Protein backbone atom coordinates (compact mmCIF):
# COMPACT_ATOMS: atom_id res chain seq x y z
CA MET A 1 -0.30 0.15 0.16
CA ASN A 2 1.57 3.54 -0.95
CA ARG A 3 1.66 6.20 1.61
CA ASN A 4 -0.97 8.22 -0.32
CA LEU A 5 -3.31 5.10 -0.45
CA LYS A 6 -2.33 4.84 3.50
CA LEU A 7 -3.20 8.74 4.44
CA ARG A 8 -6.69 8.31 2.50
CA VAL A 9 -7.79 5.23 4.47
CA MET A 10 -6.58 6.93 7.63
CA THR A 11 -9.08 9.63 6.86
CA ALA A 12 -11.67 7.63 5.49
CA ILE A 13 -11.25 6.07 8.84
CA VAL A 14 -12.15 8.91 11.26
CA GLY A 15 -14.11 10.99 8.76
CA VAL A 16 -16.55 8.68 7.80
CA PRO A 17 -17.78 7.56 11.30
CA VAL A 18 -18.21 11.59 12.33
CA ILE A 19 -20.50 12.20 9.25
CA LEU A 20 -22.19 8.98 9.64
CA ALA A 21 -23.23 10.30 12.97
CA PHE A 22 -24.35 13.75 12.04
CA LEU A 23 -26.73 11.78 8.99
CA LEU A 24 -28.11 9.46 10.91
CA PHE A 25 -28.34 10.51 14.60
CA MET A 26 -28.40 14.63 14.71
CA GLY A 27 -31.48 15.37 13.10
CA ILE A 28 -32.34 18.12 10.47
CA GLY A 29 -29.66 20.11 12.69
CA GLY A 30 -26.82 17.91 12.51
CA VAL A 31 -27.22 17.72 8.59
CA ALA A 32 -27.48 21.46 8.17
CA PHE A 33 -24.14 22.03 10.03
CA LEU A 34 -22.81 19.45 7.99
CA SER A 35 -23.90 21.18 5.00
CA TRP A 36 -22.36 24.18 6.18
CA VAL A 37 -19.25 22.71 6.82
CA ILE A 38 -18.85 21.20 3.51
CA SER A 39 -20.11 24.34 1.31
CA THR A 40 -17.77 26.32 3.45
CA GLY A 41 -14.82 23.95 2.73
CA MET A 42 -15.44 23.83 -0.89
CA LEU A 43 -16.45 27.46 -1.34
CA PHE A 44 -13.07 29.01 -0.07
CA GLU A 45 -10.69 26.67 -2.00
CA TYR A 46 -12.86 27.55 -5.06
CA CYS A 47 -12.43 31.59 -4.21
CA ARG A 48 -8.81 30.63 -3.89
CA MET A 49 -8.73 29.12 -7.32
CA SER A 50 -10.68 31.25 -8.91
CA PHE A 51 -9.49 34.80 -7.81
CA ARG A 52 -6.69 36.45 -8.87
CA LEU A 53 -6.60 39.97 -8.71
CA LYS A 54 -5.26 42.04 -5.44
CA ASP A 55 -8.92 42.24 -3.95
CA ALA A 56 -8.98 38.37 -3.13
CA ARG A 57 -9.28 38.14 0.30
CA GLN A 58 -11.96 40.49 0.58
CA LYS A 59 -14.07 38.76 -2.34
CA THR A 60 -13.56 35.67 -0.52
CA THR A 61 -14.66 37.10 2.60
CA ILE A 62 -17.90 37.97 1.07
CA ALA A 63 -18.53 34.60 -0.30
CA LEU A 64 -17.90 33.02 3.03
CA VAL A 65 -20.05 35.44 4.68
CA THR A 66 -22.99 34.93 2.15
CA ASN A 67 -22.35 31.29 2.53
CA GLY A 68 -23.20 31.52 5.90
CA LEU A 69 -26.32 33.60 5.78
CA ILE A 70 -27.45 31.37 3.15
CA HIS A 71 -27.36 28.57 5.13
CA GLY A 72 -29.04 29.76 8.40
CA PHE A 73 -31.75 31.30 6.24
CA ASN A 74 -32.30 28.12 4.44
CA TYR A 75 -32.47 26.30 7.80
CA ALA A 76 -34.64 29.14 9.64
CA VAL A 77 -37.41 29.63 6.93
CA PRO A 78 -39.95 27.35 5.01
CA ALA A 79 -38.54 26.19 1.55
CA SER A 80 -40.78 27.69 -0.64
CA ILE A 81 -39.39 31.03 0.46
CA SER A 82 -35.75 29.91 0.64
CA LEU A 83 -35.89 29.00 -2.68
CA ALA A 84 -37.26 31.91 -4.14
CA PHE A 85 -35.01 33.99 -1.93
CA LEU A 86 -31.76 31.76 -2.79
CA SER A 87 -32.49 31.80 -6.57
CA THR A 88 -32.35 35.87 -6.62
CA ALA A 89 -30.65 37.13 -3.56
CA PRO A 90 -26.97 36.26 -4.05
CA ALA A 91 -26.45 37.40 -7.56
CA LEU A 92 -28.32 40.56 -6.93
CA VAL A 93 -25.87 41.17 -4.12
CA PHE A 94 -22.67 40.08 -5.81
CA PHE A 95 -23.67 42.28 -8.70
CA SER A 96 -24.28 45.45 -6.54
CA ILE A 97 -21.11 44.80 -4.38
CA PHE A 98 -18.63 44.18 -7.18
CA LEU A 99 -19.91 47.39 -8.90
CA PHE A 100 -18.51 49.65 -5.87
CA MET A 101 -15.22 47.35 -5.65
CA VAL A 102 -14.04 48.89 -9.12
CA PRO A 103 -12.25 52.15 -7.80
CA PRO A 104 -9.62 50.45 -5.23
CA LEU A 105 -8.83 48.15 -8.32
CA LEU A 106 -8.13 50.98 -10.39
CA GLY A 107 -6.37 53.20 -7.88
CA HIS A 108 -9.06 55.85 -7.60
CA GLY A 109 -8.43 57.21 -10.84
CA ASP A 110 -10.90 58.97 -13.25
CA ALA A 111 -12.75 57.61 -16.24
CA SER A 112 -9.52 57.64 -18.29
CA ALA A 113 -8.19 54.86 -15.89
CA THR A 114 -11.26 52.34 -17.09
CA GLU A 115 -10.10 52.99 -20.64
CA SER A 116 -6.39 52.38 -20.71
CA PRO A 117 -5.44 48.62 -21.75
CA GLU A 118 -4.20 48.07 -17.83
CA GLY A 119 -7.68 49.25 -16.74
CA VAL A 120 -9.78 47.00 -19.50
CA ALA A 121 -7.80 43.97 -18.50
CA ILE A 122 -8.58 44.76 -14.80
CA LEU A 123 -12.30 45.31 -15.06
CA ARG A 124 -12.59 41.96 -17.74
CA GLN A 125 -10.68 39.95 -14.65
CA HIS A 126 -13.12 41.91 -12.27
CA VAL A 127 -16.54 40.51 -13.96
CA GLN A 128 -15.03 37.30 -14.88
CA GLU A 129 -14.73 36.78 -10.94
CA LEU A 130 -18.13 38.26 -10.52
CA MET A 131 -19.47 35.45 -13.02
CA ALA A 132 -17.10 32.80 -11.27
CA LEU A 133 -18.72 33.31 -8.37
CA CYS A 134 -22.16 33.75 -9.51
CA PHE A 135 -21.55 29.79 -10.37
CA GLY A 136 -19.74 29.07 -6.87
CA VAL A 137 -22.87 29.98 -5.47
CA VAL A 138 -24.69 27.11 -7.25
CA TYR A 139 -21.95 24.55 -6.96
CA CYS A 140 -20.64 24.96 -3.76
CA ILE A 141 -23.77 26.63 -1.73
CA LEU A 142 -26.89 25.53 -3.55
CA PHE A 143 -25.69 21.86 -4.42
CA PRO A 144 -24.71 20.61 -0.89
CA LEU A 145 -28.03 22.33 0.48
CA PHE A 146 -29.80 19.24 -1.07
CA MET A 147 -28.32 17.43 1.55
CA VAL A 148 -30.86 19.40 4.04
CA ALA A 149 -33.78 19.12 1.65
CA ILE A 150 -33.12 14.79 1.21
CA ARG A 151 -32.82 14.52 4.79
CA GLU A 152 -36.44 16.11 5.16
CA LEU A 153 -38.32 13.57 2.72
CA PRO A 154 -39.31 10.25 4.13
CA PHE A 155 -36.22 8.15 5.57
CA GLY A 156 -34.22 10.71 4.57
CA GLU A 157 -31.45 9.84 6.42
CA HIS A 158 -31.08 6.67 4.88
CA TRP A 159 -31.73 8.11 1.18
CA LEU A 160 -28.74 10.86 2.00
CA THR A 161 -26.62 8.56 3.68
CA LEU A 162 -27.08 5.64 0.53
CA THR A 163 -26.16 8.58 -1.83
CA LEU A 164 -22.96 9.15 -0.09
CA PHE A 165 -22.43 5.65 0.52
CA VAL A 166 -23.02 5.29 -3.73
CA ILE A 167 -20.65 7.92 -4.84
CA TRP A 168 -17.81 6.68 -2.16
CA ALA A 169 -18.14 2.99 -3.73
CA SER A 170 -18.17 4.17 -7.10
CA ASP A 171 -14.74 6.24 -6.39
CA THR A 172 -13.14 3.42 -4.94
CA PHE A 173 -14.10 0.68 -6.85
CA ALA A 174 -13.30 3.20 -9.84
CA TYR A 175 -10.05 3.48 -8.57
CA PHE A 176 -8.80 -0.39 -7.81
CA ALA A 177 -10.54 -1.18 -11.31
CA GLY A 178 -8.97 1.84 -13.16
CA LEU A 179 -5.44 0.24 -11.46
CA SER A 180 -5.98 -3.42 -12.31
CA PHE A 181 -7.65 -3.11 -15.73
CA GLY A 182 -7.79 0.39 -16.99
CA SER A 183 -6.56 0.71 -20.74
CA ARG A 184 -9.07 3.04 -22.58
CA LYS A 185 -8.52 6.44 -21.70
CA LEU A 186 -12.39 8.12 -20.41
CA TYR A 187 -11.42 11.94 -20.91
CA GLU A 188 -7.77 12.34 -21.56
CA GLN A 189 -7.79 15.90 -22.34
CA ILE A 190 -9.18 16.95 -18.64
CA SER A 191 -8.49 13.67 -16.31
CA PRO A 192 -5.80 11.18 -18.08
CA LYS A 193 -5.98 8.50 -15.28
CA LYS A 194 -9.29 7.83 -15.61
CA THR A 195 -10.66 4.91 -17.77
CA TRP A 196 -13.51 3.21 -19.33
CA GLU A 197 -12.33 0.09 -17.12
CA GLY A 198 -12.69 1.89 -14.16
CA ALA A 199 -15.76 4.03 -14.59
CA LEU A 200 -17.42 0.59 -15.08
CA GLY A 201 -15.63 -1.09 -12.21
CA GLY A 202 -17.12 1.91 -10.01
CA ALA A 203 -20.42 1.65 -11.19
CA LEU A 204 -20.55 -1.96 -10.45
CA GLY A 205 -19.20 -1.07 -6.85
CA ALA A 206 -21.79 1.52 -6.78
CA VAL A 207 -24.53 -1.16 -7.13
CA LEU A 208 -23.27 -3.53 -4.85
CA ILE A 209 -22.55 -1.37 -1.74
CA GLY A 210 -26.01 0.45 -2.93
CA VAL A 211 -27.91 -2.94 -2.91
CA LEU A 212 -26.79 -4.04 0.28
CA TYR A 213 -27.77 -0.58 1.98
CA GLY A 214 -31.18 -0.86 0.81
CA ALA A 215 -31.47 -4.40 1.94
CA LEU A 216 -30.45 -3.46 5.52
CA PHE A 217 -32.18 0.16 5.82
CA LEU A 218 -34.40 0.33 3.20
CA PRO A 219 -36.26 -2.85 2.86
CA ARG A 220 -39.21 -1.91 1.21
CA VAL A 221 -37.72 -0.22 -1.80
CA SER A 222 -37.06 -2.33 -4.65
CA SER A 223 -33.62 -3.59 -5.25
CA GLY A 224 -33.81 -2.97 -8.83
CA PHE A 225 -34.56 0.70 -8.55
CA ILE A 226 -31.95 1.00 -6.07
CA ALA A 227 -29.75 -0.54 -8.50
CA VAL A 228 -30.53 1.76 -11.49
CA LEU A 229 -30.43 4.67 -8.90
CA ALA A 230 -26.82 3.63 -8.08
CA VAL A 231 -25.67 3.33 -11.93
CA VAL A 232 -27.03 6.74 -12.33
CA LEU A 233 -25.39 8.23 -9.53
CA SER A 234 -22.35 6.77 -10.17
CA ALA A 235 -22.66 8.14 -13.68
CA VAL A 236 -23.65 11.83 -12.60
CA GLY A 237 -20.67 11.59 -9.71
CA VAL A 238 -17.97 10.86 -12.74
CA VAL A 239 -19.33 13.81 -14.31
CA GLY A 240 -18.96 15.92 -11.04
CA ASP A 241 -15.49 15.17 -10.86
CA LEU A 242 -14.47 15.53 -14.26
CA ALA A 243 -16.10 19.11 -13.62
CA GLU A 244 -13.66 19.74 -11.21
CA SER A 245 -10.72 18.32 -12.97
CA LEU A 246 -11.74 20.98 -15.53
CA LEU A 247 -11.59 23.62 -12.88
CA LYS A 248 -8.36 22.20 -11.86
CA ARG A 249 -6.75 22.58 -14.91
CA ALA A 250 -8.31 25.90 -15.67
CA THR A 251 -6.70 27.37 -12.93
CA ALA A 252 -3.43 25.48 -12.79
CA CYS A 253 -4.27 23.47 -9.87
CA LYS A 254 -3.08 20.24 -8.79
CA ASP A 255 -5.36 19.88 -6.00
CA SER A 256 -8.01 21.96 -4.61
CA GLY A 257 -6.33 22.14 -1.47
CA SER A 258 -4.49 19.59 1.42
CA VAL A 259 -6.91 19.80 4.24
CA LEU A 260 -8.03 16.15 3.69
CA PRO A 261 -4.62 13.94 3.81
CA GLY A 262 -4.54 11.58 1.10
CA HIS A 263 -7.95 13.55 -0.59
CA GLY A 264 -6.82 17.06 -1.31
CA GLY A 265 -9.14 19.31 -0.42
CA PHE A 266 -13.01 19.31 0.24
CA LEU A 267 -13.87 20.02 -3.79
CA ASP A 268 -11.61 17.09 -4.88
CA ARG A 269 -13.31 14.65 -2.00
CA PHE A 270 -17.21 16.26 -2.64
CA ASP A 271 -17.03 16.92 -6.33
CA GLY A 272 -18.91 13.65 -7.00
CA VAL A 273 -21.11 13.76 -4.06
CA VAL A 274 -22.33 17.49 -4.70
CA PHE A 275 -23.73 16.80 -8.58
CA ALA A 276 -25.27 13.53 -7.75
CA LEU A 277 -27.18 15.47 -4.24
CA PRO A 278 -29.62 17.22 -6.76
CA VAL A 279 -30.45 14.41 -9.03
CA MET A 280 -31.16 11.88 -6.17
CA TYR A 281 -33.51 14.93 -4.69
CA LEU A 282 -35.37 14.72 -8.09
CA VAL A 283 -35.36 11.29 -8.03
CA LEU A 284 -36.91 10.98 -4.54
CA VAL A 285 -39.76 13.53 -5.07
CA LEU A 286 -40.96 11.70 -8.60
CA TYR A 287 -40.50 8.31 -6.23
CA TYR A 288 -42.69 9.46 -3.51
CA HIS A 289 -45.06 11.54 -5.82
């Protein structure tokens, strides 16, 4: 076992029981807190990768404060009101704040400062960072909030745990299947190490773990339904993983962070999970209705 794999296993031994405790035994409040922790970690790393101008620290602070307010608002008010608010308010706030951050970036000069080549380049980067932050709200804040939405459904604690287990099983089985049998590249330009054989092994592992968990904790749900769901979530998780790989390549980052030994950062660990959460919620809403 190489050193990186040992670190991954040690982190999982410590981290998984903690996460399960929040999911299964601490109610909605525990899930809301866990969602906020994951969201905060992801957003901090995302901001570090996305912001390049001299006001990067201020922008990161704005993002993290907004994240806390959104999570608190989502926990405190009915879901219908929360959804309407979260769909519009962050973009309005960011556009307004970024508008008045221009003078410090350009040195408080007159109108000619915005017309110089340097000024135009700064403004272009500033607007690109605004757009990146608006996407970051969806990716790093709203996607993790689906943990709370799933938890509120019937047997939500088990559906949520199933989602995480399926994605983690998919990642683990894909790693070993790719290592043992991988030859055909899945998407070499973005993630050279991923193979079709690994993706197939991941899907099979997701089905195995998903069906086993369903038999133990969701016995009234068809094993066939869970098997199909596991395949879908596994595929979505691969897309989420590739999306984060694209982000890292675009920002020249090998790992999003180092807070989770052997795994990298929060984005590295939860990229597939956060893509799977809204899909799981949609399936469950249709299932229960």
